[in-house]
């Protein structure tokens, strides 16, 4: 079976970037998240400040 990402994702027209890592870092900062936190631990913290 062919690898799905190799068939669907064309790196020539859409090169890989650091966007995913930057987005994760931003969301962690905005929501005051810490590594290992569960979903309910930070729910609503953005709106409380």
N, C-alpha and C. Protein backbone atom coordinates (compact mmCIF):
# COMPACT_ATOMS: atom_id res chain seq x y z
N UNK A 1 0.85 -1.19 0.00
CA UNK A 1 0.00 0.00 0.00
C UNK A 1 0.89 1.25 0.00
N UNK A 2 0.53 2.23 -0.79
CA UNK A 2 1.27 3.47 -0.88
C UNK A 2 0.99 4.34 0.34
N UNK A 3 2.01 5.06 0.81
CA UNK A 3 1.86 5.95 1.95
C UNK A 3 0.91 7.09 1.58
N UNK A 4 -0.15 7.27 2.36
CA UNK A 4 -1.18 8.27 2.08
C UNK A 4 -0.60 9.67 1.94
N UNK A 5 0.28 10.07 2.86
CA UNK A 5 0.83 11.42 2.81
C UNK A 5 1.67 11.65 1.56
N UNK A 6 2.36 10.65 1.11
CA UNK A 6 3.17 10.80 -0.09
C UNK A 6 2.29 10.97 -1.33
N UNK A 7 1.10 10.37 -1.30
CA UNK A 7 0.19 10.48 -2.43
C UNK A 7 -0.53 11.82 -2.40
N UNK A 8 -1.01 12.24 -1.23
CA UNK A 8 -1.84 13.44 -1.12
C UNK A 8 -1.03 14.72 -0.96
N UNK A 9 0.05 14.68 -0.21
CA UNK A 9 0.81 15.87 0.11
C UNK A 9 1.97 16.06 -0.85
N UNK A 10 1.97 17.15 -1.56
CA UNK A 10 3.02 17.44 -2.53
C UNK A 10 3.98 18.47 -1.95
N UNK A 11 5.15 18.03 -1.49
CA UNK A 11 6.12 18.94 -0.88
C UNK A 11 6.67 19.96 -1.87
N UNK A 12 6.63 19.67 -3.14
CA UNK A 12 7.14 20.61 -4.13
C UNK A 12 6.26 21.86 -4.20
N UNK A 13 4.95 21.67 -4.14
CA UNK A 13 4.05 22.83 -4.21
C UNK A 13 3.71 23.39 -2.83
N UNK A 14 3.87 22.59 -1.78
CA UNK A 14 3.57 23.02 -0.41
C UNK A 14 4.69 22.57 0.52
N UNK A 15 5.81 23.28 0.54
CA UNK A 15 6.94 22.85 1.37
C UNK A 15 6.60 22.87 2.86
N UNK A 16 7.23 21.97 3.60
CA UNK A 16 7.02 21.91 5.04
C UNK A 16 7.60 23.15 5.70
N UNK A 17 6.93 23.64 6.73
CA UNK A 17 7.38 24.84 7.43
C UNK A 17 7.36 24.59 8.94
N UNK A 18 7.71 25.60 9.69
CA UNK A 18 7.69 25.54 11.16
C UNK A 18 6.35 26.01 11.71
N UNK A 19 5.36 26.21 10.84
CA UNK A 19 4.07 26.77 11.26
C UNK A 19 3.42 25.98 12.40
N UNK A 20 3.40 24.67 12.30
CA UNK A 20 2.73 23.84 13.32
C UNK A 20 3.34 24.05 14.70
N UNK A 21 4.66 24.05 14.78
CA UNK A 21 5.34 24.25 16.06
C UNK A 21 5.08 25.65 16.60
N UNK A 22 5.10 26.65 15.71
CA UNK A 22 4.85 28.03 16.14
C UNK A 22 3.42 28.20 16.63
N UNK A 23 2.46 27.58 15.95
CA UNK A 23 1.07 27.64 16.37
C UNK A 23 0.88 27.00 17.74
N UNK A 24 1.48 25.85 17.97
CA UNK A 24 1.39 25.18 19.27
C UNK A 24 1.98 26.04 20.38
N UNK A 25 3.13 26.61 20.13
CA UNK A 25 3.76 27.48 21.13
C UNK A 25 2.88 28.68 21.44
N UNK A 26 2.31 29.28 20.41
CA UNK A 26 1.42 30.43 20.61
C UNK A 26 0.20 30.06 21.45
N UNK A 27 -0.44 28.95 21.10
CA UNK A 27 -1.63 28.54 21.84
C UNK A 27 -1.31 28.21 23.29
N UNK A 28 -0.18 27.59 23.53
CA UNK A 28 0.23 27.31 24.91
C UNK A 28 0.39 28.60 25.70
N UNK A 29 0.99 29.61 25.07
CA UNK A 29 1.20 30.89 25.75
C UNK A 29 -0.13 31.62 25.98
N UNK A 30 -0.97 31.70 24.97
CA UNK A 30 -2.23 32.44 25.07
C UNK A 30 -3.15 31.83 26.14
N UNK A 31 -3.21 30.52 26.19
CA UNK A 31 -4.12 29.85 27.12
C UNK A 31 -3.45 29.47 28.44
N UNK A 32 -2.20 29.86 28.63
CA UNK A 32 -1.50 29.57 29.87
C UNK A 32 -1.34 28.08 30.13
N UNK A 33 -1.16 27.32 29.08
CA UNK A 33 -1.06 25.87 29.21
C UNK A 33 0.35 25.46 29.61
N UNK A 34 0.43 24.32 30.27
CA UNK A 34 1.69 23.72 30.66
C UNK A 34 1.74 22.30 30.11
N UNK A 35 2.92 21.80 29.77
CA UNK A 35 3.03 20.43 29.27
C UNK A 35 2.41 19.44 30.25
N UNK A 36 1.61 18.52 29.73
CA UNK A 36 1.00 17.48 30.56
C UNK A 36 -0.38 17.84 31.09
N UNK A 37 -0.83 19.08 30.88
CA UNK A 37 -2.15 19.47 31.34
C UNK A 37 -3.23 18.74 30.56
N UNK A 38 -4.33 18.44 31.21
CA UNK A 38 -5.48 17.83 30.55
C UNK A 38 -6.41 18.93 30.07
N UNK A 39 -7.31 18.62 29.19
CA UNK A 39 -8.21 19.61 28.61
C UNK A 39 -8.98 20.43 29.62
N UNK A 40 -9.52 19.83 30.65
CA UNK A 40 -10.34 20.57 31.61
C UNK A 40 -9.51 21.44 32.53
N UNK A 41 -8.20 21.23 32.59
CA UNK A 41 -7.34 21.99 33.50
C UNK A 41 -7.21 23.44 33.07
N UNK A 42 -7.35 23.72 31.78
CA UNK A 42 -7.19 25.10 31.30
C UNK A 42 -8.44 25.64 30.65
N UNK A 43 -9.54 24.90 30.67
CA UNK A 43 -10.77 25.33 30.03
C UNK A 43 -11.26 26.64 30.61
N UNK A 44 -11.45 27.63 29.78
CA UNK A 44 -11.96 28.91 30.20
C UNK A 44 -10.93 29.87 30.74
N UNK A 45 -9.68 29.47 30.88
CA UNK A 45 -8.68 30.34 31.48
C UNK A 45 -8.43 31.59 30.63
N UNK A 46 -8.61 31.49 29.32
CA UNK A 46 -8.39 32.63 28.44
C UNK A 46 -9.40 33.74 28.73
N UNK A 47 -10.65 33.38 28.99
CA UNK A 47 -11.71 34.37 29.18
C UNK A 47 -11.74 34.92 30.60
N UNK A 48 -11.07 34.28 31.53
CA UNK A 48 -11.11 34.72 32.92
C UNK A 48 -10.16 35.89 33.19
N UNK A 49 -9.17 36.10 32.33
CA UNK A 49 -8.18 37.15 32.59
C UNK A 49 -8.66 38.51 32.20
